[in-house]
């Protein structure tokens, strides 16, 4: 999600979210947790990336609704 946001903007991140709408809230919560972890460990660059994602989350959700949910779930490999 961060890669799509950085490479192609909020609309592209919204398109990705539209492919897995049921994962939206867990992804948002994960971003918050990872931001906190990065802050505690003084990993400034990683913390900045998660903070940016959190900061534009509303715009990403809006973009996902504009695209329309695709009805297909995308698997994420971590």
PDB file of N, CA and C in Angstrom:
ATOM      1  N   UNK A   1       0.831  -1.179   0.000  1.00  0.00           N
ATOM      2  CA  UNK A   1       0.000   0.000   0.000  1.00  0.00           C
ATOM      3  C   UNK A   1       0.878   1.245   0.000  1.00  0.00           C
ATOM      4  N   UNK A   2       1.912   1.246   0.821  1.00  0.00           N
ATOM      5  CA  UNK A   2       2.817   2.395   0.867  1.00  0.00           C
ATOM      6  C   UNK A   2       3.520   2.564  -0.474  1.00  0.00           C
ATOM      7  N   UNK A   3       3.944   1.475  -1.054  1.00  0.00           N
ATOM      8  CA  UNK A   3       4.620   1.539  -2.357  1.00  0.00           C
ATOM      9  C   UNK A   3       3.689   2.153  -3.402  1.00  0.00           C
ATOM     10  N   UNK A   4       2.445   1.673  -3.462  1.00  0.00           N
ATOM     11  CA  UNK A   4       1.491   2.233  -4.428  1.00  0.00           C
ATOM     12  C   UNK A   4       1.243   3.712  -4.177  1.00  0.00           C
ATOM     13  N   UNK A   5       1.122   4.081  -2.902  1.00  0.00           N
ATOM     14  CA  UNK A   5       0.906   5.477  -2.546  1.00  0.00           C
ATOM     15  C   UNK A   5       2.075   6.333  -3.005  1.00  0.00           C
ATOM     16  N   UNK A   6       3.279   5.888  -2.718  1.00  0.00           N
ATOM     17  CA  UNK A   6       4.475   6.664  -3.077  1.00  0.00           C
ATOM     18  C   UNK A   6       4.715   6.716  -4.580  1.00  0.00           C
ATOM     19  N   UNK A   7       4.437   5.623  -5.266  1.00  0.00           N
ATOM     20  CA  UNK A   7       4.705   5.557  -6.700  1.00  0.00           C
ATOM     21  C   UNK A   7       3.638   6.255  -7.537  1.00  0.00           C
ATOM     22  N   UNK A   8       2.366   6.038  -7.172  1.00  0.00           N
ATOM     23  CA  UNK A   8       1.291   6.480  -8.056  1.00  0.00           C
ATOM     24  C   UNK A   8       0.203   7.302  -7.373  1.00  0.00           C
ATOM     25  N   UNK A   9       0.336   7.574  -6.087  1.00  0.00           N
ATOM     26  CA  UNK A   9      -0.588   8.452  -5.390  1.00  0.00           C
ATOM     27  C   UNK A   9      -1.781   7.765  -4.751  1.00  0.00           C
ATOM     28  N   UNK A  10      -2.647   8.602  -4.201  1.00  0.00           N
ATOM     29  CA  UNK A  10      -3.805   8.132  -3.442  1.00  0.00           C
ATOM     30  C   UNK A  10      -4.773   7.321  -4.296  1.00  0.00           C
ATOM     31  N   UNK A  11      -4.954   7.714  -5.537  1.00  0.00           N
ATOM     32  CA  UNK A  11      -5.878   6.985  -6.418  1.00  0.00           C
ATOM     33  C   UNK A  11      -5.425   5.546  -6.631  1.00  0.00           C
ATOM     34  N   UNK A  12      -4.138   5.360  -6.839  1.00  0.00           N
ATOM     35  CA  UNK A  12      -3.608   4.009  -7.044  1.00  0.00           C
ATOM     36  C   UNK A  12      -3.725   3.175  -5.775  1.00  0.00           C
ATOM     37  N   UNK A  13      -3.462   3.791  -4.630  1.00  0.00           N
ATOM     38  CA  UNK A  13      -3.635   3.081  -3.364  1.00  0.00           C
ATOM     39  C   UNK A  13      -5.109   2.744  -3.162  1.00  0.00           C
ATOM     40  N   UNK A  14      -5.994   3.644  -3.577  1.00  0.00           N
ATOM     41  CA  UNK A  14      -7.431   3.382  -3.495  1.00  0.00           C
ATOM     42  C   UNK A  14      -7.853   2.235  -4.384  1.00  0.00           C
ATOM     43  N   UNK A  15      -7.264   2.136  -5.566  1.00  0.00           N
ATOM     44  CA  UNK A  15      -7.553   1.011  -6.460  1.00  0.00           C
ATOM     45  C   UNK A  15      -7.154  -0.306  -5.807  1.00  0.00           C
ATOM     46  N   UNK A  16      -6.015  -0.310  -5.143  1.00  0.00           N
ATOM     47  CA  UNK A  16      -5.561  -1.511  -4.445  1.00  0.00           C
ATOM     48  C   UNK A  16      -6.526  -1.865  -3.319  1.00  0.00           C
ATOM     49  N   UNK A  17      -6.928  -0.878  -2.533  1.00  0.00           N
ATOM     50  CA  UNK A  17      -7.866  -1.123  -1.446  1.00  0.00           C
ATOM     51  C   UNK A  17      -9.217  -1.611  -1.974  1.00  0.00           C
ATOM     52  N   UNK A  18      -9.630  -1.127  -3.132  1.00  0.00           N
ATOM     53  CA  UNK A  18     -10.900  -1.552  -3.729  1.00  0.00           C
ATOM     54  C   UNK A  18     -10.894  -3.042  -4.052  1.00  0.00           C
ATOM     55  N   UNK A  19      -9.733  -3.617  -4.226  1.00  0.00           N
ATOM     56  CA  UNK A  19      -9.630  -5.046  -4.527  1.00  0.00           C
ATOM     57  C   UNK A  19      -9.701  -5.910  -3.281  1.00  0.00           C
ATOM     58  N   UNK A  20      -9.644  -5.264  -2.103  1.00  0.00           N
ATOM     59  CA  UNK A  20      -9.701  -6.013  -0.841  1.00  0.00           C
ATOM     60  C   UNK A  20     -10.376  -5.167   0.242  1.00  0.00           C
ATOM     61  N   UNK A  21     -11.605  -4.734   0.009  1.00  0.00           N
ATOM     62  CA  UNK A  21     -12.266  -3.808   0.929  1.00  0.00           C
ATOM     63  C   UNK A  21     -12.415  -4.341   2.349  1.00  0.00           C
ATOM     64  N   UNK A  22     -12.548  -5.640   2.502  1.00  0.00           N
ATOM     65  CA  UNK A  22     -12.705  -6.216   3.842  1.00  0.00           C
ATOM     66  C   UNK A  22     -11.418  -6.117   4.665  1.00  0.00           C
ATOM     67  N   UNK A  23     -10.313  -5.815   4.025  1.00  0.00           N
ATOM     68  CA  UNK A  23      -9.037  -5.700   4.734  1.00  0.00           C
ATOM     69  C   UNK A  23      -8.693  -4.251   5.080  1.00  0.00           C
ATOM     70  N   UNK A  24      -9.567  -3.323   4.737  1.00  0.00           N
ATOM     71  CA  UNK A  24      -9.291  -1.905   4.952  1.00  0.00           C
ATOM     72  C   UNK A  24      -9.009  -1.538   6.395  1.00  0.00           C
ATOM     73  N   UNK A  25      -9.913  -1.897   7.283  1.00  0.00           N
ATOM     74  CA  UNK A  25      -9.726  -1.542   8.692  1.00  0.00           C
ATOM     75  C   UNK A  25      -8.516  -2.246   9.301  1.00  0.00           C
ATOM     76  N   UNK A  26      -8.325  -3.544   9.066  1.00  0.00           N
ATOM     77  CA  UNK A  26      -7.105  -4.178   9.585  1.00  0.00           C
ATOM     78  C   UNK A  26      -5.821  -3.538   9.041  1.00  0.00           C
ATOM     79  N   UNK A  27      -5.826  -3.124   7.773  1.00  0.00           N
ATOM     80  CA  UNK A  27      -4.644  -2.461   7.209  1.00  0.00           C
ATOM     81  C   UNK A  27      -4.376  -1.126   7.896  1.00  0.00           C
ATOM     82  N   UNK A  28      -5.440  -0.372   8.155  1.00  0.00           N
ATOM     83  CA  UNK A  28      -5.291   0.920   8.829  1.00  0.00           C
ATOM     84  C   UNK A  28      -4.735   0.715  10.236  1.00  0.00           C
ATOM     85  N   UNK A  29      -5.280  -0.249  10.956  1.00  0.00           N
ATOM     86  CA  UNK A  29      -4.794  -0.524  12.312  1.00  0.00           C
ATOM     87  C   UNK A  29      -3.349  -1.009  12.300  1.00  0.00           C
ATOM     88  N   UNK A  30      -3.008  -1.830  11.322  1.00  0.00           N
ATOM     89  CA  UNK A  30      -1.630  -2.302  11.196  1.00  0.00           C
ATOM     90  C   UNK A  30      -0.684  -1.133  10.962  1.00  0.00           C
ATOM     91  N   UNK A  31      -1.086  -0.191  10.133  1.00  0.00           N
ATOM     92  CA  UNK A  31      -0.250   0.993   9.884  1.00  0.00           C
ATOM     93  C   UNK A  31      -0.004   1.767  11.174  1.00  0.00           C
ATOM     94  N   UNK A  32      -1.030   1.924  11.999  1.00  0.00           N
ATOM     95  CA  UNK A  32      -0.863   2.600  13.292  1.00  0.00           C
ATOM     96  C   UNK A  32       0.117   1.846  14.183  1.00  0.00           C
ATOM     97  N   UNK A  33      -0.047   0.520  14.259  1.00  0.00           N
ATOM     98  CA  UNK A  33       0.843  -0.279  15.105  1.00  0.00           C
ATOM     99  C   UNK A  33       2.292  -0.221  14.607  1.00  0.00           C
ATOM    100  N   UNK A  34       2.472  -0.318  13.309  1.00  0.00           N
ATOM    101  CA  UNK A  34       3.828  -0.278  12.757  1.00  0.00           C
ATOM    102  C   UNK A  34       4.458   1.100  12.937  1.00  0.00           C
ATOM    103  N   UNK A  35       3.654   2.148  12.809  1.00  0.00           N
ATOM    104  CA  UNK A  35       4.164   3.495  13.067  1.00  0.00           C
ATOM    105  C   UNK A  35       4.670   3.598  14.509  1.00  0.00           C
ATOM    106  N   UNK A  36       3.881   3.126  15.448  1.00  0.00           N
ATOM    107  CA  UNK A  36       4.267   3.175  16.866  1.00  0.00           C
ATOM    108  C   UNK A  36       5.545   2.379  17.107  1.00  0.00           C
ATOM    109  N   UNK A  37       5.633   1.201  16.521  1.00  0.00           N
ATOM    110  CA  UNK A  37       6.829   0.376  16.663  1.00  0.00           C
ATOM    111  C   UNK A  37       8.061   1.093  16.111  1.00  0.00           C
ATOM    112  N   UNK A  38       7.927   1.691  14.949  1.00  0.00           N
ATOM    113  CA  UNK A  38       9.045   2.405  14.328  1.00  0.00           C
ATOM    114  C   UNK A  38       9.470   3.608  15.175  1.00  0.00           C
ATOM    115  N   UNK A  39       8.502   4.317  15.710  1.00  0.00           N
ATOM    116  CA  UNK A  39       8.808   5.462  16.574  1.00  0.00           C
ATOM    117  C   UNK A  39       9.584   5.023  17.805  1.00  0.00           C
ATOM    118  N   UNK A  40       9.141   3.964  18.441  1.00  0.00           N
ATOM    119  CA  UNK A  40       9.811   3.459  19.652  1.00  0.00           C
ATOM    120  C   UNK A  40      11.252   3.056  19.367  1.00  0.00           C
ATOM    121  N   UNK A  41      11.481   2.508  18.185  1.00  0.00           N
ATOM    122  CA  UNK A  41      12.816   2.033  17.832  1.00  0.00           C
ATOM    123  C   UNK A  41      13.637   3.062  17.070  1.00  0.00           C
ATOM    124  N   UNK A  42      13.082   4.267  16.937  1.00  0.00           N
ATOM    125  CA  UNK A  42      13.752   5.375  16.265  1.00  0.00           C
ATOM    126  C   UNK A  42      14.112   5.056  14.812  1.00  0.00           C
ATOM    127  N   UNK A  43      13.191   4.384  14.152  1.00  0.00           N
ATOM    128  CA  UNK A  43      13.336   4.098  12.729  1.00  0.00           C
ATOM    129  C   UNK A  43      12.561   5.177  11.979  1.00  0.00           C
ATOM    130  N   UNK A  44      13.161   6.339  11.884  1.00  0.00           N
ATOM    131  CA  UNK A  44      12.474   7.535  11.398  1.00  0.00           C
ATOM    132  C   UNK A  44      11.918   7.384   9.983  1.00  0.00           C
ATOM    133  N   UNK A  45      12.669   6.831   9.088  1.00  0.00           N
ATOM    134  CA  UNK A  45      12.223   6.714   7.690  1.00  0.00           C
ATOM    135  C   UNK A  45      11.002   5.807   7.568  1.00  0.00           C
ATOM    136  N   UNK A  46      11.044   4.681   8.249  1.00  0.00           N
ATOM    137  CA  UNK A  46       9.894   3.777   8.220  1.00  0.00           C
ATOM    138  C   UNK A  46       8.691   4.408   8.906  1.00  0.00           C
ATOM    139  N   UNK A  47       8.918   5.076  10.026  1.00  0.00           N
ATOM    140  CA  UNK A  47       7.831   5.751  10.745  1.00  0.00           C
ATOM    141  C   UNK A  47       7.177   6.799   9.845  1.00  0.00           C
ATOM    142  N   UNK A  48       7.976   7.537   9.101  1.00  0.00           N
ATOM    143  CA  UNK A  48       7.447   8.559   8.199  1.00  0.00           C
ATOM    144  C   UNK A  48       6.527   7.945   7.150  1.00  0.00           C
ATOM    145  N   UNK A  49       6.915   6.808   6.608  1.00  0.00           N
ATOM    146  CA  UNK A  49       6.102   6.155   5.576  1.00  0.00           C
ATOM    147  C   UNK A  49       4.736   5.745   6.125  1.00  0.00           C
ATOM    148  N   UNK A  50       4.720   5.149   7.315  1.00  0.00           N
ATOM    149  CA  UNK A  50       3.447   4.744   7.920  1.00  0.00           C
ATOM    150  C   UNK A  50       2.614   5.959   8.299  1.00  0.00           C
ATOM    151  N   UNK A  51       3.263   7.008   8.772  1.00  0.00           N
ATOM    152  CA  UNK A  51       2.550   8.230   9.131  1.00  0.00           C
ATOM    153  C   UNK A  51       1.894   8.854   7.905  1.00  0.00           C
ATOM    154  N   UNK A  52       2.581   8.846   6.783  1.00  0.00           N
ATOM    155  CA  UNK A  52       1.998   9.366   5.545  1.00  0.00           C
ATOM    156  C   UNK A  52       0.784   8.550   5.119  1.00  0.00           C
ATOM    157  N   UNK A  53       0.891   7.253   5.243  1.00  0.00           N
ATOM    158  CA  UNK A  53      -0.232   6.385   4.894  1.00  0.00           C
ATOM    159  C   UNK A  53      -1.439   6.692   5.781  1.00  0.00           C
ATOM    160  N   UNK A  54      -1.206   6.815   7.070  1.00  0.00           N
ATOM    161  CA  UNK A  54      -2.274   7.128   8.011  1.00  0.00           C
ATOM    162  C   UNK A  54      -2.868   8.501   7.697  1.00  0.00           C
ATOM    163  N   UNK A  55      -2.021   9.440   7.366  1.00  0.00           N
ATOM    164  CA  UNK A  55      -2.472  10.795   7.098  1.00  0.00           C
ATOM    165  C   UNK A  55      -3.399  10.933   5.910  1.00  0.00           C
ATOM    166  N   UNK A  56      -3.248  10.084   4.922  1.00  0.00           N
ATOM    167  CA  UNK A  56      -4.090  10.168   3.722  1.00  0.00           C
ATOM    168  C   UNK A  56      -5.085   9.011   3.627  1.00  0.00           C
ATOM    169  N   UNK A  57      -5.264   8.279   4.711  1.00  0.00           N
ATOM    170  CA  UNK A  57      -6.128   7.103   4.690  1.00  0.00           C
ATOM    171  C   UNK A  57      -7.535   7.443   4.206  1.00  0.00           C
ATOM    172  N   UNK A  58      -8.097   8.541   4.682  1.00  0.00           N
ATOM    173  CA  UNK A  58      -9.450   8.925   4.276  1.00  0.00           C
ATOM    174  C   UNK A  58      -9.521   9.115   2.759  1.00  0.00           C
ATOM    175  N   UNK A  59      -8.515   9.738   2.183  1.00  0.00           N
ATOM    176  CA  UNK A  59      -8.485   9.948   0.730  1.00  0.00           C
ATOM    177  C   UNK A  59      -8.352   8.615  -0.011  1.00  0.00           C
ATOM    178  N   UNK A  60      -7.612   7.674   0.543  1.00  0.00           N
ATOM    179  CA  UNK A  60      -7.465   6.357  -0.076  1.00  0.00           C
ATOM    180  C   UNK A  60      -8.799   5.623  -0.057  1.00  0.00           C
ATOM    181  N   UNK A  61      -9.503   5.681   1.066  1.00  0.00           N
ATOM    182  CA  UNK A  61     -10.818   5.036   1.164  1.00  0.00           C
ATOM    183  C   UNK A  61     -11.783   5.677   0.169  1.00  0.00           C
ATOM    184  N   UNK A  62     -11.770   6.994   0.093  1.00  0.00           N
ATOM    185  CA  UNK A  62     -12.629   7.699  -0.861  1.00  0.00           C
ATOM    186  C   UNK A  62     -12.324   7.254  -2.285  1.00  0.00           C
ATOM    187  N   UNK A  63     -11.037   7.170  -2.613  1.00  0.00           N
ATOM    188  CA  UNK A  63     -10.633   6.726  -3.957  1.00  0.00           C
ATOM    189  C   UNK A  63     -11.083   5.297  -4.213  1.00  0.00           C
ATOM    190  N   UNK A  64     -11.045   4.448  -3.191  1.00  0.00           N
ATOM    191  CA  UNK A  64     -11.471   3.055  -3.381  1.00  0.00           C
ATOM    192  C   UNK A  64     -12.960   2.984  -3.701  1.00  0.00           C
ATOM    193  N   UNK A  65     -13.742   3.878  -3.102  1.00  0.00           N
ATOM    194  CA  UNK A  65     -15.182   3.894  -3.392  1.00  0.00           C
ATOM    195  C   UNK A  65     -15.459   4.453  -4.784  1.00  0.00           C
ATOM    196  N   UNK A  66     -14.650   5.389  -5.215  1.00  0.00           N
ATOM    197  CA  UNK A  66     -14.813   5.946  -6.562  1.00  0.00           C
ATOM    198  C   UNK A  66     -14.535   4.889  -7.627  1.00  0.00           C
ATOM    199  N   UNK A  67     -13.545   4.066  -7.375  1.00  0.00           N
ATOM    200  CA  UNK A  67     -13.203   2.990  -8.305  1.00  0.00           C
ATOM    201  C   UNK A  67     -14.277   1.912  -8.256  1.00  0.00           C
ATOM    202  N   UNK A  68     -14.786   1.677  -7.062  1.00  0.00           N
ATOM    203  CA  UNK A  68     -15.765   0.609  -6.865  1.00  0.00           C
ATOM    204  C   UNK A  68     -15.067  -0.648  -6.412  1.00  0.00           C
ATOM    205  N   UNK A  69     -15.663  -1.307  -5.479  1.00  0.00           N
ATOM    206  CA  UNK A  69     -15.058  -2.528  -4.961  1.00  0.00           C
ATOM    207  C   UNK A  69     -15.195  -3.626  -5.998  1.00  0.00           C
ATOM    208  N   UNK A  70     -14.122  -4.296  -6.247  1.00  0.00           N
ATOM    209  CA  UNK A  70     -14.039  -5.254  -7.342  1.00  0.00           C
ATOM    210  C   UNK A  70     -14.712  -6.591  -7.050  1.00  0.00           C
ATOM    211  N   UNK A  71     -14.968  -6.873  -5.783  1.00  0.00           N
ATOM    212  CA  UNK A  71     -15.604  -8.136  -5.449  1.00  0.00           C
ATOM    213  C   UNK A  71     -14.648  -9.305  -5.390  1.00  0.00           C
ATOM    214  N   UNK A  72     -13.407  -9.054  -5.683  1.00  0.00           N
ATOM    215  CA  UNK A  72     -12.397 -10.104  -5.600  1.00  0.00           C
ATOM    216  C   UNK A  72     -11.421  -9.717  -4.511  1.00  0.00           C
ATOM    217  N   UNK A  73     -11.022 -10.674  -3.744  1.00  0.00           N
ATOM    218  CA  UNK A  73     -10.107 -10.411  -2.647  1.00  0.00           C
ATOM    219  C   UNK A  73      -8.681 -10.659  -3.121  1.00  0.00           C
ATOM    220  N   UNK A  74      -7.808  -9.758  -2.769  1.00  0.00           N
ATOM    221  CA  UNK A  74      -6.411  -9.871  -3.143  1.00  0.00           C
ATOM    222  C   UNK A  74      -5.632 -10.415  -1.957  1.00  0.00           C
ATOM    223  N   UNK A  75      -4.829 -11.423  -2.166  1.00  0.00           N
ATOM    224  CA  UNK A  75      -4.013 -11.981  -1.108  1.00  0.00           C
ATOM    225  C   UNK A  75      -2.759 -11.129  -0.930  1.00  0.00           C
ATOM    226  N   UNK A  76      -2.425 -10.869   0.329  1.00  0.00           N
ATOM    227  CA  UNK A  76      -1.211 -10.130   0.634  1.00  0.00           C
ATOM    228  C   UNK A  76      -0.198 -11.087   1.222  1.00  0.00           C
ATOM    229  N   UNK A  77       1.000 -11.041   0.724  1.00  0.00           N
ATOM    230  CA  UNK A  77       2.089 -11.866   1.248  1.00  0.00           C
ATOM    231  C   UNK A  77       2.986 -10.981   2.084  1.00  0.00           C
ATOM    232  N   UNK A  78       3.105 -11.305   3.352  1.00  0.00           N
ATOM    233  CA  UNK A  78       3.972 -10.525   4.251  1.00  0.00           C
ATOM    234  C   UNK A  78       5.225 -11.305   4.541  1.00  0.00           C
TER     235      UNK A  78
END
